[in-house]
Amino acid sequence: MSKITFLGAGSTVFAKNVLGDVMMTPALQGFELALYDIDPQRLKDSEQMLLNLKETLRSTCRIKAYSDRKEALRGAKYVVNAIQVGGYEPCTVTDFEVPKKYGLRQTIGDTVGIGGVFRALRTIPVMLDFARDMQEVCPDAWFLNYTNPMAVLTNVMITHGGIKTVGLCHSVQVCVPDLFRHLGMDATGVQSKIAGINHMAWLLEVTKDGVDLYPEIKRRAREKQKEKHYDMVRFELMFKFGFYVTESSEHNAEYHPYFIKSTHPELIEQLNIPLDEYPRRCVNQIESWKRMREELVNNKQLQHERTHEYASYIFEAMETNVPFKIGGNVMNTGLITNLPKEACVEVPCLVDRSGVQPTYIGDLPPQLAALNRTNINTQLLTIEAAITRKREHVYHAAMLDPHTAAELTLDEIVALCDDLIEAHGDWLPKFH
């Protein structure tokens, strides 16, 4: 029996989406769906929810929860990763509250920025533990990473873990549909080309019947920008740098030095930037879970419709050899020629029985590559800090982060990193 292992299966809603999709896919019937989580109650909840779903979907997949991670992984053909090390409390709270003492404000804090750096530093050791287990019990498995910071963690699993990995993010999938919906345009028959790095990939081409749609997009966006809306930062970036970026305005507000500035507090209001957005979402999710738990976990008539999550389509393409196209995060093996080979990039990939085959892009427009490199610098130094355990590289990662560097002096950055290392305590490895 083939096996799909889900790490972080206590993410019940996400497990429902991914594994519900699997149970609806003919080519994946008969698979064992192995569940693992460090929270026994959440694991039990997800198991019960999936057993209910199995009955309503009449799936022949087998649901099994494991308390032993290595046993959950043993013999797996595919592994899905959706963990969050340290959760909302204490770690996300720490990521946001300690920097505030230095006047450093964030929106999401999960990719780069000081919050992204520390999320990576506490997650990388756990991911490498996964890799060691996989090398022992399922060395040929494909690892689908959904956890942020996406580029850093996917990079580490491939280069230091030695595991076949692809990073999957929603932003590429929804980029064009959401943009067109927002501007009142019809996305039917639109062709697009997207490439860059995770959370900062670029809509390089967007056409319909051979006609470039960018002029109309920019015209409508300029009209839209006269009123308050949720995507103002992205539109500003498009006006100044020429291209639309895949990830949301709240994320991009903290990837660049231009938007959250103590010297220009008016920009927060002017560009509708939601400070502390991620902690707010976490609190809302915790509250909504309390309300949803009963209807998800104990609902014997639980229904599911196949979602747009990539996972089941990737498994299906690999099992059937019918190709499927995704936007995937992979190492830059000459794919984007003006970004470093050490970087993890986000490019179109073809998936079939041969695995994940990324496509060649060539050079990005120079200004876009330059923006990408500002974030890649911090990503690579974060990896260096995690692998060498050298405290100086933690400082370097933070010093080279565009938003952190725009707000704080070198000495303030060092002091902030020291405070965060102390506040996180045992959630982090020991740095020297």
Protein backbone atom coordinates (compact mmCIF):
# COMPACT_ATOMS: atom_id res chain seq x y z
CA MET A 1 0.00 0.00 0.00
CA SER A 2 1.38 3.40 -1.01
CA LYS A 3 1.50 6.05 1.69
CA ILE A 4 1.06 9.82 1.99
CA THR A 5 2.30 11.23 5.30
CA PHE A 6 0.97 14.54 6.61
CA LEU A 7 3.27 16.30 9.13
CA GLY A 8 1.36 18.93 11.10
CA ALA A 9 -1.91 17.05 10.64
CA GLY A 10 -3.37 18.99 13.59
CA SER A 11 -3.95 21.79 11.05
CA THR A 12 -7.40 20.25 10.67
CA VAL A 13 -8.87 22.57 8.04
CA PHE A 14 -5.78 22.30 5.84
CA ALA A 15 -5.64 18.53 6.33
CA LYS A 16 -9.27 18.38 5.21
CA ASN A 17 -8.45 20.35 2.06
CA VAL A 18 -5.36 18.36 1.07
CA LEU A 19 -6.39 14.86 2.17
CA GLY A 20 -10.05 15.37 1.27
CA ASP A 21 -8.78 16.13 -2.25
CA VAL A 22 -6.69 12.94 -2.16
CA MET A 23 -9.73 10.85 -1.16
CA MET A 24 -11.63 12.26 -4.16
CA THR A 25 -8.92 11.38 -6.66
CA PRO A 26 -9.40 8.00 -8.41
CA ALA A 27 -5.65 7.43 -8.96
CA LEU A 28 -5.00 7.78 -5.21
CA GLN A 29 -7.55 5.30 -3.88
CA GLY A 30 -6.11 2.64 -1.60
CA PHE A 31 -3.36 4.94 -0.30
CA GLU A 32 -2.64 5.03 3.41
CA LEU A 33 -3.01 8.58 4.74
CA ALA A 34 -0.62 8.74 7.70
CA LEU A 35 -1.20 11.58 10.17
CA TYR A 36 1.35 13.01 12.59
CA ASP A 37 1.23 15.98 14.97
CA ILE A 38 2.87 16.86 18.28
CA ASP A 39 -0.54 17.89 19.70
CA PRO A 40 -2.40 14.63 20.50
CA GLN A 41 -5.83 16.29 20.76
CA ARG A 42 -5.53 18.08 17.42
CA LEU A 43 -4.22 14.86 15.87
CA LYS A 44 -7.22 12.93 17.21
CA ASP A 45 -9.56 15.66 15.90
CA SER A 46 -8.09 15.44 12.41
CA GLU A 47 -8.21 11.65 12.40
CA GLN A 48 -11.91 11.65 13.36
CA MET A 49 -12.70 14.34 10.78
CA LEU A 50 -10.96 12.36 8.01
CA LEU A 51 -12.65 9.10 9.03
CA ASN A 52 -16.02 10.85 8.70
CA LEU A 53 -14.99 12.24 5.33
CA LYS A 54 -13.83 8.83 4.14
CA GLU A 55 -17.32 7.47 4.78
CA THR A 56 -19.19 10.26 2.98
CA LEU A 57 -16.76 10.19 0.03
CA ARG A 58 -16.75 6.37 -0.04
CA SER A 59 -12.98 6.46 -0.38
CA THR A 60 -10.83 3.33 -0.10
CA CYS A 61 -7.96 5.32 1.42
CA ARG A 62 -6.88 4.17 4.88
CA ILE A 63 -6.63 6.78 7.66
CA LYS A 64 -4.08 6.17 10.40
CA ALA A 65 -2.77 8.51 13.11
CA TYR A 66 0.73 7.99 14.52
CA SER A 67 2.33 9.13 17.76
CA ASP A 68 5.79 8.16 16.43
CA ARG A 69 7.02 10.45 13.64
CA LYS A 70 9.48 7.99 12.16
CA GLU A 71 6.79 5.31 11.92
CA ALA A 72 4.44 7.81 10.28
CA LEU A 73 7.14 8.46 7.67
CA ARG A 74 8.26 4.84 7.18
CA GLY A 75 7.78 3.80 3.56
CA ALA A 76 6.02 7.03 2.56
CA LYS A 77 5.89 7.87 -1.14
CA TYR A 78 4.84 11.48 -0.51
CA VAL A 79 5.16 13.74 2.53
CA VAL A 80 3.14 16.93 3.11
CA ASN A 81 4.54 19.45 5.58
CA ALA A 82 2.32 22.04 7.29
CA ILE A 83 3.93 22.68 10.67
CA GLN A 84 4.28 25.88 12.69
CA VAL A 85 7.06 25.69 15.26
CA GLY A 86 6.24 27.61 18.41
CA GLY A 87 2.69 28.51 17.30
CA TYR A 88 0.99 31.82 17.94
CA GLU A 89 1.93 31.65 21.61
CA PRO A 90 4.64 32.04 22.57
CA CYS A 91 6.67 32.43 19.39
CA THR A 92 4.66 34.65 17.03
CA VAL A 93 3.84 36.98 19.93
CA THR A 94 7.58 37.21 20.69
CA ASP A 95 8.42 37.86 17.01
CA PHE A 96 6.11 40.89 17.06
CA GLU A 97 6.32 42.29 20.58
CA VAL A 98 10.11 42.40 21.10
CA PRO A 99 10.80 44.36 17.85
CA LYS A 100 8.09 46.89 18.83
CA LYS A 101 10.29 47.97 21.76
CA TYR A 102 12.76 49.15 19.11
CA GLY A 103 10.10 50.89 17.06
CA LEU A 104 10.13 48.10 14.44
CA ARG A 105 6.61 47.30 13.27
CA GLN A 106 5.54 44.34 11.11
CA THR A 107 2.48 43.06 9.28
CA ILE A 108 2.92 39.28 8.82
CA GLY A 109 6.47 38.45 9.97
CA ASP A 110 6.68 34.96 8.42
CA THR A 111 9.01 35.29 5.41
CA VAL A 112 11.79 37.85 5.80
CA GLY A 113 11.89 40.81 8.16
CA ILE A 114 13.00 40.14 11.71
CA GLY A 115 9.95 37.91 12.33
CA GLY A 116 10.71 35.79 9.25
CA VAL A 117 14.36 35.38 10.26
CA PHE A 118 13.47 34.05 13.70
CA ARG A 119 10.64 31.87 12.42
CA ALA A 120 13.20 30.28 10.09
CA LEU A 121 15.80 29.85 12.85
CA ARG A 122 13.40 27.88 15.06
CA THR A 123 11.93 25.84 12.17
CA ILE A 124 15.09 24.76 10.30
CA PRO A 125 16.33 22.36 13.04
CA VAL A 126 12.92 20.63 13.07
CA MET A 127 12.94 20.34 9.26
CA LEU A 128 16.41 18.82 9.33
CA ASP A 129 15.16 16.28 11.87
CA PHE A 130 12.44 15.40 9.35
CA ALA A 131 15.09 15.04 6.65
CA ARG A 132 17.19 12.69 8.82
CA ASP A 133 14.15 10.52 9.54
CA MET A 134 13.24 10.48 5.85
CA GLN A 135 16.77 9.53 4.80
CA GLU A 136 16.40 6.50 7.05
CA VAL A 137 12.82 5.35 6.36
CA CYS A 138 11.64 6.90 3.03
CA PRO A 139 14.68 8.34 1.20
CA ASP A 140 12.94 8.47 -2.20
CA ALA A 141 9.78 10.28 -1.03
CA TRP A 142 8.73 13.62 -2.48
CA PHE A 143 8.41 16.32 0.21
CA LEU A 144 5.74 18.96 -0.40
CA ASN A 145 6.49 21.97 1.79
CA TYR A 146 3.65 24.35 2.68
CA THR A 147 5.38 25.93 5.70
CA ASN A 148 6.80 29.48 5.76
CA PRO A 149 9.34 30.90 5.31
CA MET A 150 8.87 28.94 2.09
CA ALA A 151 12.09 29.76 0.18
CA VAL A 152 14.38 29.24 3.18
CA LEU A 153 12.84 25.95 4.32
CA THR A 154 12.58 24.47 0.82
CA ASN A 155 16.22 25.45 0.18
CA VAL A 156 17.37 23.79 3.42
CA MET A 157 15.47 20.54 2.76
CA ILE A 158 17.09 20.21 -0.68
CA THR A 159 20.63 21.44 -0.02
CA HIS A 160 21.20 20.30 3.57
CA GLY A 161 18.51 17.64 3.98
CA GLY A 162 19.11 15.85 0.67
CA ILE A 163 15.36 15.35 0.16
CA LYS A 164 13.42 15.77 -3.11
CA THR A 165 11.40 18.86 -2.22
CA VAL A 166 9.06 21.33 -3.87
CA GLY A 167 7.67 24.36 -2.05
CA LEU A 168 4.02 25.22 -2.68
CA CYS A 169 2.40 28.59 -2.11
CA HIS A 170 -1.06 29.92 -2.91
CA SER A 171 0.04 33.33 -4.16
CA VAL A 172 0.93 32.26 -7.72
CA GLN A 173 -2.35 30.37 -8.14
CA VAL A 174 -4.55 33.28 -7.13
CA CYS A 175 -2.45 36.16 -8.51
CA VAL A 176 -4.18 36.68 -11.87
CA PRO A 177 -7.75 35.71 -10.86
CA ASP A 178 -7.66 38.00 -7.81
CA LEU A 179 -6.10 40.92 -9.69
CA PHE A 180 -8.66 40.71 -12.51
CA ARG A 181 -11.56 40.38 -10.06
CA HIS A 182 -10.29 43.42 -8.15
CA LEU A 183 -10.07 45.52 -11.33
CA GLY A 184 -13.36 44.29 -12.81
CA MET A 185 -11.67 42.48 -15.71
CA ASP A 186 -12.54 39.10 -17.24
CA ALA A 187 -9.75 36.56 -16.67
CA THR A 188 -11.20 34.01 -19.14
CA GLY A 189 -8.61 32.92 -21.71
CA VAL A 190 -5.83 35.01 -20.15
CA GLN A 191 -2.27 33.69 -20.45
CA SER A 192 0.35 34.66 -17.94
CA LYS A 193 3.98 34.05 -17.06
CA ILE A 194 5.07 34.34 -13.43
CA ALA A 195 8.57 33.93 -11.96
CA GLY A 196 10.81 35.27 -9.19
CA ILE A 197 11.10 34.15 -5.57
CA ASN A 198 8.39 33.05 -3.15
CA HIS A 199 6.14 35.94 -2.09
CA MET A 200 7.99 38.18 -4.54
CA ALA A 201 7.40 36.57 -7.91
CA TRP A 202 6.42 38.80 -10.80
CA LEU A 203 3.64 38.80 -13.33
CA LEU A 204 6.07 39.10 -16.22
CA GLU A 205 3.57 38.66 -19.05
CA VAL A 206 -0.23 38.83 -19.12
CA THR A 207 -1.98 38.55 -22.50
CA LYS A 208 -5.25 37.56 -24.14
CA ASP A 209 -5.37 36.57 -27.80
CA GLY A 210 -1.84 37.91 -28.13
CA VAL A 211 -2.74 41.37 -26.75
CA ASP A 212 -0.69 42.74 -23.82
CA LEU A 213 -3.12 43.48 -20.95
CA TYR A 214 -0.68 45.43 -18.79
CA PRO A 215 -1.65 48.90 -20.17
CA GLU A 216 -5.31 48.29 -19.24
CA ILE A 217 -4.35 46.80 -15.87
CA LYS A 218 -2.27 49.87 -15.02
CA ARG A 219 -4.96 52.26 -16.21
CA ARG A 220 -7.58 50.64 -13.99
CA ALA A 221 -5.15 50.35 -11.08
CA ARG A 222 -4.44 54.11 -11.22
CA GLU A 223 -8.16 54.78 -11.00
CA LYS A 224 -8.50 52.30 -8.15
CA GLN A 225 -5.62 53.92 -6.29
CA LYS A 226 -7.66 57.11 -5.88
CA GLU A 227 -9.70 55.35 -3.20
CA LYS A 228 -8.74 53.15 -0.22
CA HIS A 229 -8.47 49.43 -0.96
CA TYR A 230 -6.61 46.35 0.29
CA ASP A 231 -3.95 46.18 -2.44
CA MET A 232 -2.41 49.64 -2.46
CA VAL A 233 1.18 48.63 -1.77
CA ARG A 234 1.26 46.19 -4.69
CA PHE A 235 -0.13 48.81 -7.03
CA GLU A 236 2.52 51.29 -5.87
CA LEU A 237 5.23 48.72 -6.58
CA MET A 238 3.75 48.08 -10.03
CA PHE A 239 3.68 51.81 -10.88
CA LYS A 240 7.30 52.32 -9.76
CA PHE A 241 8.90 49.05 -10.91
CA GLY A 242 6.66 48.18 -13.87
CA PHE A 243 5.29 44.76 -12.84
CA TYR A 244 2.71 43.30 -10.47
CA VAL A 245 3.97 41.15 -7.60
CA THR A 246 2.30 37.88 -6.65
CA GLU A 247 2.01 38.18 -2.88
CA SER A 248 -0.34 40.46 -0.96
CA SER A 249 0.17 44.08 -0.01
CA GLU A 250 0.39 43.29 3.70
CA HIS A 251 3.32 40.95 3.00
CA ASN A 252 5.07 43.25 0.54
CA ALA A 253 4.76 46.23 2.90
CA GLU A 254 7.48 44.61 5.04
CA TYR A 255 9.67 43.11 2.28
CA HIS A 256 10.82 46.54 1.14
CA PRO A 257 12.22 49.63 2.89
CA TYR A 258 9.64 52.05 1.45
CA PHE A 259 6.35 51.57 3.27
CA ILE A 260 6.51 51.06 7.05
CA LYS A 261 8.68 53.97 8.16
CA SER A 262 8.75 55.75 11.49
CA THR A 263 9.84 58.89 9.61
CA HIS A 264 6.69 58.73 7.46
CA PRO A 265 3.89 57.42 9.70
CA GLU A 266 1.29 58.85 7.30
CA LEU A 267 2.05 56.03 4.82
CA ILE A 268 0.31 53.48 7.05
CA GLU A 269 -3.01 55.27 6.64
CA GLN A 270 -2.31 56.47 3.09
CA LEU A 271 -1.53 52.98 1.74
CA ASN A 272 -3.91 51.10 4.07
CA ILE A 273 -1.15 48.95 5.62
CA PRO A 274 -2.49 46.56 8.30
CA LEU A 275 0.16 46.50 11.05
CA ASP A 276 0.12 43.41 13.32
CA GLU A 277 -2.05 41.63 10.77
CA TYR A 278 -0.73 38.10 11.37
CA PRO A 279 -1.26 38.08 15.16
CA ARG A 280 -4.80 39.34 14.47
CA ARG A 281 -5.38 36.46 12.03
CA CYS A 282 -3.99 33.96 14.52
CA VAL A 283 -6.42 35.13 17.24
CA ASN A 284 -9.33 34.98 14.77
CA GLN A 285 -8.32 31.47 13.65
CA ILE A 286 -8.14 30.23 17.24
CA GLU A 287 -11.60 31.66 17.94
CA SER A 288 -13.13 30.31 14.73
CA TRP A 289 -11.64 26.86 15.41
CA LYS A 290 -13.52 26.76 18.72
CA ARG A 291 -16.73 27.39 16.76
CA MET A 292 -15.89 25.08 13.84
CA ARG A 293 -14.54 22.14 15.78
CA GLU A 294 -17.87 20.45 16.40
CA GLU A 295 -19.11 20.71 12.82
CA LEU A 296 -15.81 19.43 11.41
CA VAL A 297 -14.79 16.76 13.89
CA ASN A 298 -18.08 15.13 14.83
CA ASN A 299 -20.06 15.65 11.63
CA LYS A 300 -20.91 12.20 10.23
CA GLN A 301 -22.28 13.82 7.04
CA LEU A 302 -19.18 15.97 6.43
CA GLN A 303 -18.90 16.94 2.76
CA HIS A 304 -15.95 17.99 0.61
CA GLU A 305 -15.39 19.41 -2.85
CA ARG A 306 -11.97 19.16 -4.46
CA THR A 307 -10.02 22.37 -3.87
CA HIS A 308 -7.36 24.09 -5.94
CA GLU A 309 -4.55 23.01 -3.56
CA TYR A 310 -1.70 21.64 -5.65
CA ALA A 311 -0.94 18.54 -3.55
CA SER A 312 -3.49 16.04 -4.89
CA TYR A 313 -2.87 17.20 -8.48
CA ILE A 314 0.88 16.65 -8.01
CA PHE A 315 0.33 13.14 -6.62
CA GLU A 316 -2.11 12.38 -9.43
CA ALA A 317 0.32 13.57 -12.12
CA MET A 318 3.13 11.48 -10.64
CA GLU A 319 0.91 8.39 -10.35
CA THR A 320 -0.75 8.63 -13.80
CA ASN A 321 2.02 10.33 -15.81
CA VAL A 322 -0.55 12.88 -17.06
CA PRO A 323 1.35 16.19 -16.82
CA PHE A 324 0.18 19.02 -14.57
CA LYS A 325 1.60 22.53 -14.42
CA ILE A 326 2.30 24.23 -11.07
CA GLY A 327 4.11 27.28 -9.72
CA GLY A 328 6.79 25.58 -7.63
CA ASN A 329 9.66 26.61 -5.35
CA VAL A 330 12.87 24.87 -6.42
CA MET A 331 16.60 25.55 -6.39
CA ASN A 332 17.87 27.95 -9.03
CA THR A 333 19.68 25.50 -11.29
CA GLY A 334 20.24 28.09 -14.03
CA LEU A 335 16.49 28.82 -14.24
CA ILE A 336 16.59 32.57 -13.52
CA THR A 337 19.94 33.63 -14.84
CA ASN A 338 20.33 36.93 -12.98
CA LEU A 339 19.58 35.48 -9.52
CA PRO A 340 22.12 33.52 -7.42
CA LYS A 341 22.40 29.76 -7.93
CA GLU A 342 22.20 29.36 -4.12
CA ALA A 343 18.68 30.83 -4.11
CA CYS A 344 15.37 29.02 -4.09
CA VAL A 345 13.20 30.44 -6.90
CA GLU A 346 9.52 30.23 -7.81
CA VAL A 347 8.95 29.24 -11.44
CA PRO A 348 6.45 27.29 -13.57
CA CYS A 349 7.09 23.52 -13.23
CA LEU A 350 5.74 20.51 -15.09
CA VAL A 351 4.88 17.51 -12.93
CA ASP A 352 4.64 13.93 -14.21
CA ARG A 353 6.06 10.51 -13.34
CA SER A 354 9.58 11.93 -13.71
CA GLY A 355 8.94 14.31 -10.80
CA VAL A 356 8.93 18.11 -10.74
CA GLN A 357 10.58 19.65 -13.78
CA PRO A 358 11.10 23.41 -13.55
CA THR A 359 11.15 25.63 -16.64
CA TYR A 360 13.91 27.97 -17.80
CA ILE A 361 13.09 31.67 -17.44
CA GLY A 362 16.33 33.53 -18.30
CA ASP A 363 16.93 37.05 -17.00
CA LEU A 364 14.26 38.90 -15.04
CA PRO A 365 13.99 42.64 -15.77
CA PRO A 366 16.99 44.08 -13.88
CA GLN A 367 14.96 46.09 -11.36
CA LEU A 368 12.93 42.99 -10.41
CA ALA A 369 16.01 40.81 -10.00
CA ALA A 370 17.50 43.56 -7.81
CA LEU A 371 14.42 43.60 -5.55
CA ASN A 372 14.52 39.80 -5.32
CA ARG A 373 18.21 39.86 -4.38
CA THR A 374 17.54 42.15 -1.40
CA ASN A 375 15.37 39.38 0.10
CA ILE A 376 17.63 36.53 -1.07
CA ASN A 377 20.52 38.12 0.87
CA THR A 378 18.60 37.76 4.13
CA GLN A 379 17.34 34.27 3.23
CA LEU A 380 20.85 32.93 2.55
CA LEU A 381 22.34 34.48 5.68
CA THR A 382 19.49 33.05 7.77
CA ILE A 383 20.36 29.59 6.41
CA GLU A 384 24.04 30.23 7.17
CA ALA A 385 23.14 31.18 10.76
CA ALA A 386 20.97 28.08 11.20
CA ILE A 387 23.59 25.67 9.81
CA THR A 388 26.72 27.17 11.45
CA ARG A 389 24.95 28.30 14.67
CA LYS A 390 27.05 31.47 14.49
CA ARG A 391 25.34 34.39 16.21
CA GLU A 392 27.13 36.87 13.93
CA HIS A 393 25.23 35.45 10.95
CA VAL A 394 21.92 36.03 12.75
CA TYR A 395 23.02 39.69 13.00
CA HIS A 396 24.04 39.70 9.33
CA ALA A 397 20.67 38.32 8.21
CA ALA A 398 18.85 41.04 10.16
CA MET A 399 21.27 43.79 9.04
CA LEU A 400 20.66 42.96 5.40
CA ASP A 401 16.89 42.77 5.73
CA PRO A 402 15.50 45.79 3.84
CA HIS A 403 12.81 46.79 6.35
CA THR A 404 14.89 46.21 9.49
CA ALA A 405 17.84 48.11 8.01
CA ALA A 406 15.62 51.03 6.97
CA GLU A 407 14.46 51.55 10.57
CA LEU A 408 17.32 50.57 12.92
CA THR A 409 21.05 51.25 13.35
CA LEU A 410 23.60 48.43 13.32
CA ASP A 411 23.90 48.50 17.12
CA GLU A 412 20.12 48.45 17.52
CA ILE A 413 19.87 45.44 15.21
CA VAL A 414 22.47 43.53 17.26
CA ALA A 415 20.66 44.37 20.51
CA LEU A 416 17.29 43.36 19.00
CA CYS A 417 18.66 39.99 17.81
CA ASP A 418 20.16 39.36 21.27
CA ASP A 419 16.82 40.18 22.91
CA LEU A 420 14.92 37.89 20.52
CA ILE A 421 17.37 35.01 21.06
CA GLU A 422 16.93 35.38 24.82
CA ALA A 423 13.13 35.74 24.61
CA HIS A 424 12.72 32.64 22.43
CA GLY A 425 14.86 30.57 24.84
CA ASP A 426 14.67 26.84 24.10
CA TRP A 427 12.64 27.35 20.94
CA LEU A 428 15.95 28.21 19.27
CA PRO A 429 19.19 26.26 19.00
CA LYS A 430 22.21 27.62 20.87
CA PHE A 431 24.21 30.20 18.90
CA HIS A 432 27.87 30.94 19.61
